[in-house]
Amino acid sequence: MADSRGAAGFWTQTHALLRKNLSLQKRNMRTNIGLVIFPAVLCLMLYGIQRMVDSVFTATSTDTSNPTRWPALVQVPETGDRVVRGKSTCVDEDSCPVMVFLTGGNQSLAQSELIFVA
């Protein structure tokens, strides 16, 4: 005997699939709770770590908007690695000048031709 109802329509199949998935999700309730809670716990841990780091740096600095200034650092290359203009025997004498790029607000110093640091 053939089925007289015919093939199930789109909405009937969709409704059946959703009910099936809902019953499967009910069975896996602990897994679903873990999937929701883990990112929340991770965000809370990151927030706590950020607060601890902020409190440590705030305690060491008296004013957080103006941190302490560090002096400018210049890395001077070794004598043999320095670039020298023209003919010079400074490599042998250990007294090569160093060419350093300058930036800043002092226009006259920046525009001067050469500044040597021995």
N, C-alpha and C. Protein backbone atom coordinates (compact mmCIF):
# COMPACT_ATOMS: atom_id res chain seq x y z
N MET A 1 0.83 -1.17 0.00
CA MET A 1 0.00 0.00 0.00
C MET A 1 0.88 1.24 0.00
N ALA A 2 0.63 2.15 -0.87
CA ALA A 2 1.42 3.36 -1.02
C ALA A 2 0.96 4.42 -0.03
N ASP A 3 1.92 5.32 0.32
CA ASP A 3 1.60 6.41 1.24
C ASP A 3 0.82 7.47 0.48
N SER A 4 -0.36 7.80 0.93
CA SER A 4 -1.22 8.73 0.22
C SER A 4 -0.90 10.19 0.54
N ARG A 5 -0.05 10.43 1.56
CA ARG A 5 0.24 11.82 1.95
C ARG A 5 1.26 12.46 1.02
N GLY A 6 2.08 11.75 0.34
CA GLY A 6 3.08 12.29 -0.56
C GLY A 6 4.34 12.70 0.20
N ALA A 7 5.25 13.40 -0.49
CA ALA A 7 6.51 13.83 0.11
C ALA A 7 6.27 14.98 1.08
N ALA A 8 7.08 15.02 2.12
CA ALA A 8 6.95 16.09 3.11
C ALA A 8 7.47 17.40 2.52
N GLY A 9 6.82 18.48 2.84
CA GLY A 9 7.22 19.79 2.34
C GLY A 9 8.44 20.33 3.08
N PHE A 10 8.92 21.48 2.58
CA PHE A 10 10.12 22.10 3.15
C PHE A 10 9.94 22.45 4.61
N TRP A 11 8.84 23.10 4.96
CA TRP A 11 8.63 23.54 6.34
C TRP A 11 8.42 22.37 7.29
N THR A 12 7.82 21.30 6.79
CA THR A 12 7.64 20.11 7.62
C THR A 12 8.99 19.47 7.94
N GLN A 13 9.87 19.39 6.94
CA GLN A 13 11.20 18.83 7.15
C GLN A 13 12.04 19.73 8.07
N THR A 14 11.91 21.03 7.87
CA THR A 14 12.65 21.98 8.71
C THR A 14 12.21 21.87 10.16
N HIS A 15 10.90 21.77 10.38
CA HIS A 15 10.37 21.65 11.74
C HIS A 15 10.87 20.36 12.38
N ALA A 16 10.87 19.26 11.66
CA ALA A 16 11.34 17.98 12.19
C ALA A 16 12.83 18.04 12.53
N LEU A 17 13.62 18.67 11.66
CA LEU A 17 15.06 18.78 11.91
C LEU A 17 15.34 19.64 13.14
N LEU A 18 14.64 20.74 13.30
CA LEU A 18 14.83 21.60 14.47
C LEU A 18 14.45 20.87 15.76
N ARG A 19 13.37 20.09 15.73
CA ARG A 19 12.98 19.33 16.92
C ARG A 19 14.02 18.27 17.26
N LYS A 20 14.59 17.64 16.23
CA LYS A 20 15.64 16.65 16.45
C LYS A 20 16.87 17.30 17.08
N ASN A 21 17.31 18.45 16.53
CA ASN A 21 18.47 19.15 17.07
C ASN A 21 18.22 19.63 18.50
N LEU A 22 17.01 20.07 18.78
CA LEU A 22 16.69 20.51 20.14
C LEU A 22 16.79 19.35 21.13
N SER A 23 16.32 18.19 20.73
CA SER A 23 16.41 17.03 21.63
C SER A 23 17.88 16.63 21.84
N LEU A 24 18.72 16.75 20.80
CA LEU A 24 20.14 16.44 20.96
C LEU A 24 20.83 17.46 21.86
N GLN A 25 20.47 18.74 21.72
CA GLN A 25 21.07 19.78 22.56
C GLN A 25 20.67 19.61 24.02
N LYS A 26 19.45 19.14 24.27
CA LYS A 26 19.04 18.90 25.66
C LYS A 26 19.88 17.81 26.29
N ARG A 27 20.26 16.79 25.50
CA ARG A 27 21.09 15.71 26.03
C ARG A 27 22.50 16.19 26.36
N ASN A 28 22.99 17.17 25.63
CA ASN A 28 24.36 17.66 25.80
C ASN A 28 24.38 19.00 26.55
N MET A 29 23.59 19.10 27.59
CA MET A 29 23.45 20.37 28.31
C MET A 29 24.78 20.82 28.94
N ARG A 30 25.53 19.89 29.54
CA ARG A 30 26.80 20.28 30.18
C ARG A 30 27.80 20.80 29.16
N THR A 31 27.85 20.18 28.00
CA THR A 31 28.76 20.65 26.95
C THR A 31 28.37 22.05 26.50
N ASN A 32 27.09 22.29 26.32
CA ASN A 32 26.63 23.61 25.89
C ASN A 32 26.94 24.68 26.94
N ILE A 33 26.76 24.33 28.20
CA ILE A 33 27.07 25.30 29.26
C ILE A 33 28.56 25.60 29.26
N GLY A 34 29.39 24.56 29.08
CA GLY A 34 30.83 24.78 29.01
C GLY A 34 31.23 25.65 27.84
N LEU A 35 30.58 25.47 26.70
CA LEU A 35 30.88 26.29 25.53
C LEU A 35 30.53 27.76 25.75
N VAL A 36 29.54 28.02 26.56
CA VAL A 36 29.15 29.40 26.83
C VAL A 36 30.00 30.01 27.94
N ILE A 37 30.30 29.22 28.97
CA ILE A 37 31.00 29.76 30.14
C ILE A 37 32.50 29.96 29.90
N PHE A 38 33.15 29.08 29.12
CA PHE A 38 34.60 29.17 28.93
C PHE A 38 35.05 30.54 28.41
N PRO A 39 34.46 31.10 27.35
CA PRO A 39 34.91 32.43 26.91
C PRO A 39 34.66 33.52 27.96
N ALA A 40 33.57 33.38 28.72
CA ALA A 40 33.30 34.37 29.76
C ALA A 40 34.37 34.31 30.85
N VAL A 41 34.77 33.10 31.26
CA VAL A 41 35.81 32.94 32.28
C VAL A 41 37.14 33.46 31.75
N LEU A 42 37.43 33.19 30.50
CA LEU A 42 38.67 33.67 29.90
C LEU A 42 38.71 35.20 29.87
N CYS A 43 37.61 35.82 29.51
CA CYS A 43 37.56 37.29 29.51
C CYS A 43 37.72 37.85 30.91
N LEU A 44 37.12 37.21 31.90
CA LEU A 44 37.27 37.67 33.29
C LEU A 44 38.72 37.53 33.76
N MET A 45 39.39 36.44 33.37
CA MET A 45 40.79 36.28 33.74
C MET A 45 41.66 37.36 33.11
N LEU A 46 41.44 37.65 31.82
CA LEU A 46 42.20 38.70 31.15
C LEU A 46 41.94 40.06 31.78
N TYR A 47 40.70 40.32 32.16
CA TYR A 47 40.37 41.58 32.82
C TYR A 47 41.09 41.68 34.17
N GLY A 48 41.11 40.59 34.92
CA GLY A 48 41.80 40.59 36.21
C GLY A 48 43.30 40.81 36.06
N ILE A 49 43.91 40.15 35.08
CA ILE A 49 45.35 40.34 34.84
C ILE A 49 45.63 41.79 34.46
N GLN A 50 44.78 42.37 33.60
CA GLN A 50 44.97 43.77 33.19
C GLN A 50 44.86 44.70 34.38
N ARG A 51 43.90 44.45 35.27
CA ARG A 51 43.76 45.29 36.46
C ARG A 51 44.99 45.18 37.37
N MET A 52 45.54 43.96 37.52
CA MET A 52 46.74 43.78 38.35
C MET A 52 47.92 44.53 37.75
N VAL A 53 48.11 44.41 36.45
CA VAL A 53 49.23 45.09 35.80
C VAL A 53 49.07 46.60 35.92
N ASP A 54 47.85 47.09 35.70
CA ASP A 54 47.61 48.53 35.84
C ASP A 54 47.88 49.00 37.26
N SER A 55 47.49 48.22 38.25
CA SER A 55 47.72 48.64 39.64
C SER A 55 49.21 48.65 39.98
N VAL A 56 49.97 47.73 39.42
CA VAL A 56 51.41 47.70 39.69
C VAL A 56 52.07 48.93 39.07
N PHE A 57 51.72 49.24 37.82
CA PHE A 57 52.34 50.39 37.17
C PHE A 57 51.85 51.71 37.74
N THR A 58 50.63 51.77 38.21
CA THR A 58 50.12 52.99 38.84
C THR A 58 50.79 53.21 40.18
N ALA A 59 51.07 52.13 40.90
CA ALA A 59 51.72 52.25 42.21
C ALA A 59 53.17 52.72 42.07
N THR A 60 53.85 52.36 40.99
CA THR A 60 55.24 52.76 40.83
C THR A 60 55.38 54.15 40.22
N SER A 61 54.37 54.62 39.52
CA SER A 61 54.43 55.94 38.91
C SER A 61 53.50 56.89 39.65
N THR A 62 54.00 58.10 39.91
CA THR A 62 53.16 59.05 40.63
C THR A 62 52.12 59.68 39.72
N ASP A 63 52.44 59.84 38.44
CA ASP A 63 51.50 60.44 37.50
C ASP A 63 51.44 59.57 36.26
N THR A 64 50.29 58.93 36.01
CA THR A 64 50.20 58.00 34.89
C THR A 64 50.14 58.71 33.54
N SER A 65 49.72 60.01 33.50
CA SER A 65 49.65 60.69 32.19
C SER A 65 51.02 61.16 31.74
N ASN A 66 51.97 61.33 32.66
CA ASN A 66 53.32 61.75 32.30
C ASN A 66 54.32 60.75 32.87
N PRO A 67 54.62 59.68 32.13
CA PRO A 67 55.58 58.71 32.65
C PRO A 67 56.98 59.30 32.70
N THR A 68 57.85 58.66 33.45
CA THR A 68 59.21 59.17 33.58
C THR A 68 59.90 59.10 32.22
N ARG A 69 60.73 60.10 31.94
CA ARG A 69 61.41 60.18 30.66
C ARG A 69 62.73 59.46 30.74
N TRP A 70 63.04 58.71 29.70
CA TRP A 70 64.31 58.03 29.59
C TRP A 70 65.23 58.84 28.72
N PRO A 71 66.52 58.83 28.99
CA PRO A 71 67.44 59.56 28.11
C PRO A 71 67.51 58.89 26.74
N ALA A 72 67.85 59.69 25.74
CA ALA A 72 67.99 59.15 24.39
C ALA A 72 69.18 58.21 24.34
N LEU A 73 68.99 57.10 23.66
CA LEU A 73 70.05 56.11 23.55
C LEU A 73 70.57 56.09 22.12
N VAL A 74 71.89 56.07 21.96
CA VAL A 74 72.51 56.02 20.65
C VAL A 74 73.41 54.80 20.63
N GLN A 75 73.21 53.95 19.65
CA GLN A 75 74.08 52.80 19.51
C GLN A 75 75.16 53.15 18.49
N VAL A 76 76.36 53.21 18.95
CA VAL A 76 77.49 53.59 18.10
C VAL A 76 78.12 52.30 17.57
N PRO A 77 78.29 52.19 16.24
CA PRO A 77 78.88 50.97 15.70
C PRO A 77 80.35 50.85 16.07
N GLU A 78 80.85 49.63 15.98
CA GLU A 78 82.26 49.37 16.25
C GLU A 78 83.13 50.16 15.27
N THR A 79 84.37 50.39 15.61
CA THR A 79 85.27 51.20 14.79
C THR A 79 85.42 50.65 13.39
N GLY A 80 85.54 49.37 13.23
CA GLY A 80 85.73 48.78 11.91
C GLY A 80 84.48 48.82 11.05
N ASP A 81 83.31 49.02 11.64
CA ASP A 81 82.06 49.02 10.90
C ASP A 81 81.56 50.42 10.55
N ARG A 82 82.31 51.44 10.89
CA ARG A 82 81.85 52.82 10.65
C ARG A 82 82.09 53.22 9.20
N VAL A 83 81.19 54.04 8.67
CA VAL A 83 81.32 54.56 7.31
C VAL A 83 82.08 55.88 7.38
N VAL A 84 83.11 56.01 6.55
CA VAL A 84 83.96 57.19 6.59
C VAL A 84 83.93 57.85 5.22
N ARG A 85 83.78 59.17 5.19
CA ARG A 85 83.83 59.91 3.93
C ARG A 85 85.28 60.24 3.58
N GLY A 86 85.63 60.05 2.33
CA GLY A 86 86.97 60.42 1.88
C GLY A 86 88.02 59.45 2.37
N LYS A 87 89.26 59.85 2.17
CA LYS A 87 90.38 59.00 2.60
C LYS A 87 90.69 59.29 4.06
N SER A 88 90.67 58.24 4.85
CA SER A 88 90.94 58.41 6.27
C SER A 88 91.60 57.15 6.79
N THR A 89 92.47 57.33 7.73
CA THR A 89 93.14 56.19 8.35
C THR A 89 92.65 56.00 9.77
N CYS A 90 91.42 56.45 10.03
CA CYS A 90 90.92 56.40 11.40
C CYS A 90 90.67 54.97 11.87
N VAL A 91 90.52 54.03 10.94
CA VAL A 91 90.30 52.65 11.35
C VAL A 91 91.54 52.13 12.06
N ASP A 92 92.69 52.56 11.56
CA ASP A 92 93.93 52.12 12.20
C ASP A 92 94.15 52.82 13.54
N GLU A 93 93.68 54.05 13.65
CA GLU A 93 93.93 54.85 14.85
C GLU A 93 92.85 54.70 15.91
N ASP A 94 91.79 53.97 15.60
CA ASP A 94 90.67 53.79 16.54
C ASP A 94 89.98 55.11 16.89
N SER A 95 89.91 56.04 15.94
CA SER A 95 89.26 57.32 16.24
C SER A 95 88.35 57.76 15.11
N CYS A 96 87.63 56.83 14.48
CA CYS A 96 86.71 57.18 13.39
C CYS A 96 85.55 58.02 13.92
N PRO A 97 85.17 59.04 13.18
CA PRO A 97 83.96 59.78 13.57
C PRO A 97 82.72 58.93 13.25
N VAL A 98 81.65 59.21 13.94
CA VAL A 98 80.39 58.49 13.74
C VAL A 98 79.37 59.45 13.17
N MET A 99 78.66 59.04 12.12
CA MET A 99 77.61 59.87 11.55
C MET A 99 76.29 59.44 12.18
N VAL A 100 75.58 60.37 12.81
CA VAL A 100 74.34 60.08 13.52
C VAL A 100 73.24 60.95 12.93
N PHE A 101 72.09 60.35 12.62
CA PHE A 101 70.95 61.12 12.13
C PHE A 101 70.26 61.80 13.31
N LEU A 102 69.89 63.07 13.12
CA LEU A 102 69.25 63.84 14.18
C LEU A 102 67.82 64.17 13.80
N THR A 103 66.94 64.06 14.76
CA THR A 103 65.57 64.53 14.59
C THR A 103 65.24 65.37 15.82
N GLY A 104 64.29 66.22 15.67
CA GLY A 104 63.89 67.02 16.82
C GLY A 104 63.56 68.44 16.44
N GLY A 105 63.42 69.28 17.44
CA GLY A 105 62.99 70.64 17.22
C GLY A 105 64.11 71.63 16.96
N ASN A 106 65.38 71.26 17.12
CA ASN A 106 66.49 72.18 16.93
C ASN A 106 66.88 72.20 15.45
N GLN A 107 66.30 73.13 14.68
CA GLN A 107 66.52 73.21 13.24
C GLN A 107 67.99 73.50 12.89
N SER A 108 68.61 74.43 13.60
CA SER A 108 69.99 74.80 13.26
C SER A 108 70.94 73.62 13.48
N LEU A 109 70.74 72.85 14.53
CA LEU A 109 71.58 71.69 14.77
C LEU A 109 71.33 70.62 13.71
N ALA A 110 70.09 70.41 13.33
CA ALA A 110 69.77 69.39 12.35
C ALA A 110 70.28 69.77 10.96
N GLN A 111 70.35 71.06 10.65
CA GLN A 111 70.77 71.48 9.34
C GLN A 111 72.28 71.73 9.23
N SER A 112 72.99 71.63 10.33
CA SER A 112 74.45 71.79 10.24
C SER A 112 75.03 70.65 9.42
N GLU A 113 76.19 70.92 8.78
CA GLU A 113 76.70 69.97 7.79
C GLU A 113 77.10 68.63 8.39
N LEU A 114 77.97 68.61 9.32
CA LEU A 114 78.42 67.36 9.92
C LEU A 114 78.59 67.55 11.42
N ILE A 115 78.17 66.58 12.15
CA ILE A 115 78.39 66.57 13.58
C ILE A 115 79.11 65.27 13.88
N PHE A 116 80.29 65.35 14.46
CA PHE A 116 81.09 64.17 14.72
C PHE A 116 81.05 63.84 16.20
N VAL A 117 80.91 62.59 16.48
CA VAL A 117 81.01 62.09 17.85
C VAL A 117 82.19 61.15 17.89
N ALA A 118 83.15 61.45 18.69
CA ALA A 118 84.35 60.60 18.73
C ALA A 118 84.21 59.51 19.72
